[in-house]
């Protein structure tokens, strides 16, 4: 096993709050010394990411800092330029996510911008936590090698949400890792069935894995472009990532399909 793999395995075994403490310590020192901080976090669940954000927001507030989410999109792919131009960047810790939507194949445009404009993070003393799903993180050293060498720390958050967060108002569990595995197996066995892929999307969405939910819903739609529930669920998954434009597009499509055409 490589040194990197050993460190990742050891790190993932650390208690959740210890890893949050590492992020806070890095950020608080950068704030105190008016220095930049480039932190990378690899995660599986949006619920867990939001937990980290909530904890850090409370701890950074007394330091005069607030957290601001920056969602990468096709038109907003130039992250260094956008963050450096924010009028209050010195009072903000940016949470950056959504690299796969950064334009170009596999979000290549966003990665290239990180590589080319990385010096802006130093020049403007930007403090940011970059959140990567595993596939996005795997692409980073290849697509943005100079930025990869430029980062300060990498942390893993493979944690799953607490069970209390996976229950609906009636106390019924709305999702679990076991549900995901069952739905994945069903979709693989019946790969041409759009209902199976929609069910897999529902299982992913229930545990906050919105990117994977989107991929499953899109597979269902490719198999049946008139699948109303898949379009509606796709919209809700986009909402989970705060991608309002894509969410509205999918929900409008579902509404059009649900409206009978007049003869």
Protein backbone atom coordinates (compact mmCIF):
# COMPACT_ATOMS: atom_id res chain seq x y z
CA UNK A 1 0.00 0.00 0.00
CA UNK A 2 1.36 3.46 -0.89
CA UNK A 3 2.11 6.19 1.66
CA UNK A 4 -0.81 8.21 0.29
CA UNK A 5 -3.20 5.27 0.67
CA UNK A 6 -1.88 4.62 4.19
CA UNK A 7 -2.47 8.23 5.17
CA UNK A 8 -5.97 8.21 3.69
CA UNK A 9 -6.87 4.99 5.52
CA UNK A 10 -5.49 6.32 8.82
CA UNK A 11 -7.23 9.65 8.34
CA UNK A 12 -10.61 8.08 7.58
CA UNK A 13 -10.35 6.14 10.86
CA UNK A 14 -10.01 9.36 12.87
CA UNK A 15 -13.17 10.54 14.64
CA UNK A 16 -15.34 12.86 12.59
CA UNK A 17 -14.90 15.85 14.91
CA UNK A 18 -11.13 15.41 14.92
CA UNK A 19 -11.10 15.91 11.16
CA UNK A 20 -13.34 18.96 11.51
CA UNK A 21 -10.87 20.27 14.10
CA UNK A 22 -8.05 19.94 11.55
CA UNK A 23 -9.99 22.10 9.09
CA UNK A 24 -10.74 24.66 11.79
CA UNK A 25 -7.13 24.79 13.00
CA UNK A 26 -5.83 25.36 9.48
CA UNK A 27 -8.41 28.07 8.78
CA UNK A 28 -8.05 29.84 12.13
CA UNK A 29 -4.27 30.09 11.72
CA UNK A 30 -4.67 31.47 8.20
CA UNK A 31 -7.18 34.03 9.47
CA UNK A 32 -4.96 35.06 12.38
CA UNK A 33 -1.92 35.47 10.16
CA UNK A 34 -3.83 36.91 7.17
CA UNK A 35 -2.66 34.07 4.96
CA UNK A 36 -4.38 31.97 2.28
CA UNK A 37 -5.59 28.45 3.03
CA UNK A 38 -6.29 25.85 0.34
CA UNK A 39 -7.92 22.78 1.84
CA UNK A 40 -9.29 19.76 -0.01
CA UNK A 41 -12.02 17.50 1.37
CA UNK A 42 -13.13 14.23 -0.24
CA UNK A 43 -16.67 13.22 0.73
CA UNK A 44 -19.56 10.88 -0.05
CA UNK A 45 -22.64 12.48 1.48
CA UNK A 46 -24.08 15.99 1.10
CA UNK A 47 -25.57 15.65 4.58
CA UNK A 48 -22.10 15.15 6.03
CA UNK A 49 -20.74 18.12 4.07
CA UNK A 50 -23.50 20.28 5.50
CA UNK A 51 -22.69 19.03 9.01
CA UNK A 52 -19.08 20.15 8.57
CA UNK A 53 -20.24 23.50 7.20
CA UNK A 54 -22.60 24.05 10.12
CA UNK A 55 -19.94 23.25 12.73
CA UNK A 56 -17.31 25.44 11.08
CA UNK A 57 -19.75 28.32 10.59
CA UNK A 58 -20.40 28.44 14.33
CA UNK A 59 -16.71 28.24 15.21
CA UNK A 60 -15.53 30.77 12.61
CA UNK A 61 -18.16 33.40 13.40
CA UNK A 62 -16.34 34.71 16.52
CA UNK A 63 -13.30 35.21 14.27
CA UNK A 64 -15.32 37.56 12.07
CA UNK A 65 -15.63 35.03 9.26
CA UNK A 66 -18.61 33.49 7.51
CA UNK A 67 -18.93 30.54 5.15
CA UNK A 68 -20.13 31.05 1.59
CA UNK A 69 -21.03 28.18 -0.75
CA UNK A 70 -19.67 28.49 -4.28
CA UNK A 71 -21.26 26.01 -6.69
CA UNK A 72 -19.25 25.42 -9.86
CA UNK A 73 -21.32 25.63 -13.04
CA UNK A 74 -20.59 25.66 -16.74
CA UNK A 75 -20.63 29.50 -16.93
CA UNK A 76 -19.02 29.92 -13.47
CA UNK A 77 -16.05 27.59 -13.91
CA UNK A 78 -13.23 30.07 -13.22
CA UNK A 79 -13.08 29.60 -9.46
CA UNK A 80 -9.89 31.57 -8.67
CA UNK A 81 -11.10 34.60 -10.62
CA UNK A 82 -14.59 34.51 -9.10
CA UNK A 83 -13.37 34.17 -5.50
CA UNK A 84 -10.71 36.85 -5.87
CA UNK A 85 -13.32 39.28 -7.22
CA UNK A 86 -15.72 38.80 -4.32
CA UNK A 87 -15.90 42.21 -2.58
CA UNK A 88 -15.70 40.66 0.92
CA UNK A 89 -13.33 37.77 0.27
CA UNK A 90 -11.17 38.66 3.26
CA UNK A 91 -14.12 37.94 5.59
CA UNK A 92 -15.21 34.70 3.92
CA UNK A 93 -14.26 31.04 3.94
CA UNK A 94 -15.48 29.63 0.62
CA UNK A 95 -16.91 26.11 0.35
CA UNK A 96 -16.42 25.13 -3.30
CA UNK A 97 -18.14 22.10 -4.85
CA UNK A 98 -19.60 20.74 -8.07
CA UNK A 99 -16.45 20.30 -10.17
CA UNK A 100 -18.03 17.80 -12.55
CA UNK A 101 -20.34 20.58 -13.77
CA UNK A 102 -17.46 22.94 -14.56
CA UNK A 103 -17.66 22.81 -18.35
CA UNK A 104 -15.73 20.63 -20.74
CA UNK A 105 -15.52 16.86 -20.48
CA UNK A 106 -15.42 15.83 -16.83
CA UNK A 107 -15.45 19.47 -15.69
CA UNK A 108 -12.07 20.03 -17.35
CA UNK A 109 -12.55 23.79 -17.63
CA UNK A 110 -12.84 24.20 -13.86
CA UNK A 111 -9.72 22.12 -13.25
CA UNK A 112 -7.75 24.07 -15.86
CA UNK A 113 -8.76 27.38 -14.29
CA UNK A 114 -7.48 26.13 -10.92
CA UNK A 115 -4.19 25.19 -12.51
CA UNK A 116 -3.67 28.37 -14.52
CA UNK A 117 -4.85 30.94 -11.98
CA UNK A 118 -3.72 29.26 -8.75
CA UNK A 119 -1.55 32.25 -7.81
CA UNK A 120 -4.71 34.32 -7.26
CA UNK A 121 -5.36 32.34 -4.09
CA UNK A 122 -2.06 33.63 -2.69
CA UNK A 123 -2.30 37.14 -4.09
CA UNK A 124 -5.78 37.67 -2.58
CA UNK A 125 -5.23 35.51 0.53
CA UNK A 126 -8.22 33.34 -0.29
CA UNK A 127 -9.36 30.78 2.27
CA UNK A 128 -11.34 27.93 0.78
CA UNK A 129 -12.34 24.32 1.33
CA UNK A 130 -12.69 22.47 -1.97
CA UNK A 131 -15.17 19.58 -1.74
CA UNK A 132 -14.64 16.68 -4.13
CA UNK A 133 -16.55 13.49 -4.70
CA UNK A 134 -14.14 10.60 -5.21
CA UNK A 135 -14.22 10.68 -9.02
CA UNK A 136 -13.64 14.44 -8.97
CA UNK A 137 -10.75 14.05 -6.52
CA UNK A 138 -9.18 11.34 -8.67
CA UNK A 139 -9.21 13.70 -11.66
CA UNK A 140 -7.58 16.60 -9.80
CA UNK A 141 -3.88 15.52 -9.88
CA UNK A 142 -4.23 14.71 -13.58
CA UNK A 143 -6.22 17.74 -14.69
CA UNK A 144 -4.64 20.31 -12.34
CA UNK A 145 -1.22 18.98 -11.26
CA UNK A 146 0.21 22.37 -10.30
CA UNK A 147 -2.82 23.20 -8.16
CA UNK A 148 -2.62 19.73 -6.59
CA UNK A 149 0.94 20.47 -5.51
CA UNK A 150 -0.20 23.89 -4.33
CA UNK A 151 -2.80 22.70 -1.78
CA UNK A 152 -2.17 22.74 1.98
CA UNK A 153 -4.11 19.75 3.34
CA UNK A 154 -6.33 16.92 2.09
CA UNK A 155 -8.94 15.35 4.37
CA UNK A 156 -11.40 12.53 3.80
CA UNK A 157 -15.00 12.49 5.02
CA UNK A 158 -16.31 9.04 4.03
CA UNK A 159 -18.82 9.23 6.89
CA UNK A 160 -22.48 8.48 6.31
CA UNK A 161 -25.26 10.63 7.84
CA UNK A 162 -26.47 9.87 11.34
CA UNK A 163 -29.54 7.66 11.23
CA UNK A 164 -31.66 10.38 12.86
CA UNK A 165 -31.19 12.46 9.70
CA UNK A 166 -32.49 9.67 7.48
CA UNK A 167 -35.97 9.54 9.03
CA UNK A 168 -39.08 11.21 7.76
CA UNK A 169 -41.64 13.05 9.90
CA UNK A 170 -43.32 9.79 10.93
CA UNK A 171 -40.02 8.35 12.16
CA UNK A 172 -39.67 5.94 9.22
CA UNK A 173 -36.21 5.48 7.79
CA UNK A 174 -35.97 7.06 4.35
CA UNK A 175 -32.60 5.65 3.31
CA UNK A 176 -29.48 3.73 4.19
CA UNK A 177 -26.34 2.32 2.65
CA UNK A 178 -28.06 -1.08 2.45
CA UNK A 179 -30.90 0.46 0.45
CA UNK A 180 -28.37 1.89 -2.00
CA UNK A 181 -26.65 -1.47 -2.47
CA UNK A 182 -29.95 -3.26 -3.05
CA UNK A 183 -31.10 -0.65 -5.57
CA UNK A 184 -27.71 -0.72 -7.33
CA UNK A 185 -27.85 -4.50 -7.66
CA UNK A 186 -31.40 -4.31 -9.03
CA UNK A 187 -30.42 -1.68 -11.61
CA UNK A 188 -27.42 -3.71 -12.75
CA UNK A 189 -29.57 -6.83 -13.14
CA UNK A 190 -32.25 -4.97 -15.09
CA UNK A 191 -30.14 -2.34 -16.82
CA UNK A 192 -32.73 -1.49 -19.49
CA UNK A 193 -35.49 -0.80 -16.99
CA UNK A 194 -35.90 2.94 -16.29
CA UNK A 195 -37.88 2.19 -13.10
CA UNK A 196 -34.85 0.43 -11.63
CA UNK A 197 -32.59 3.42 -12.31
CA UNK A 198 -35.17 5.80 -10.87
CA UNK A 199 -35.29 3.66 -7.72
CA UNK A 200 -31.50 3.79 -7.52
CA UNK A 201 -31.66 7.59 -7.81
CA UNK A 202 -34.18 7.67 -4.95
CA UNK A 203 -31.87 5.54 -2.79
CA UNK A 204 -28.90 7.82 -3.45
CA UNK A 205 -30.96 10.96 -2.83
CA UNK A 206 -32.24 9.60 0.49
CA UNK A 207 -28.69 9.50 1.87
CA UNK A 208 -27.66 12.84 0.40
CA UNK A 209 -25.56 11.48 -2.48
CA UNK A 210 -27.09 13.91 -4.95
CA UNK A 211 -24.49 13.68 -7.72
CA UNK A 212 -24.95 9.93 -7.96
CA UNK A 213 -28.72 10.36 -7.78
CA UNK A 214 -28.56 12.72 -10.75
CA UNK A 215 -26.58 10.19 -12.77
CA UNK A 216 -29.13 7.45 -12.00
CA UNK A 217 -32.13 9.65 -12.87
CA UNK A 218 -30.46 10.68 -16.12
CA UNK A 219 -29.96 7.02 -16.98
CA UNK A 220 -33.68 6.43 -16.40
CA UNK A 221 -34.51 9.40 -18.64
CA UNK A 222 -32.21 8.18 -21.41
CA UNK A 223 -34.18 4.95 -21.38
CA UNK A 224 -37.53 6.76 -21.28
CA UNK A 225 -37.52 10.48 -22.05
CA UNK A 226 -41.22 10.72 -21.06
CA UNK A 227 -40.67 9.33 -17.55
CA UNK A 228 -42.36 12.05 -15.48
CA UNK A 229 -41.26 10.85 -12.05
CA UNK A 230 -37.62 10.63 -13.14
CA UNK A 231 -37.69 14.21 -14.45
CA UNK A 232 -39.34 15.39 -11.22
CA UNK A 233 -36.87 13.50 -9.05
CA UNK A 234 -33.99 14.83 -11.12
CA UNK A 235 -35.20 18.34 -10.34
CA UNK A 236 -35.30 17.60 -6.62
CA UNK A 237 -31.77 16.15 -6.74
CA UNK A 238 -30.53 19.33 -8.42
CA UNK A 239 -32.24 21.33 -5.68
CA UNK A 240 -30.30 19.31 -3.13
CA UNK A 241 -27.14 20.72 -4.73
CA UNK A 242 -28.66 24.21 -4.98
CA UNK A 243 -28.48 24.07 -8.77
CA UNK A 244 -31.65 26.02 -9.29
CA UNK A 245 -31.36 26.49 -13.04
CA UNK A 246 -31.02 22.76 -13.73
CA UNK A 247 -33.68 21.98 -11.14
CA UNK A 248 -36.18 24.34 -12.73
CA UNK A 249 -35.49 22.94 -16.18
CA UNK A 250 -36.15 19.36 -15.03
CA UNK A 251 -39.26 20.31 -13.07
CA UNK A 252 -40.68 22.28 -16.01
CA UNK A 253 -40.09 19.24 -18.23
CA UNK A 254 -41.97 17.06 -15.73
CA UNK A 255 -44.83 19.56 -15.63
CA UNK A 256 -45.06 19.66 -19.43
CA UNK A 257 -45.16 15.88 -19.64
CA UNK A 258 -47.86 15.77 -16.98
CA UNK A 259 -50.08 18.27 -18.82
CA UNK A 260 -52.37 16.60 -21.37
CA UNK A 261 -52.01 18.04 -24.87
CA UNK A 262 -55.13 19.49 -26.39
CA UNK A 263 -56.37 17.92 -29.57
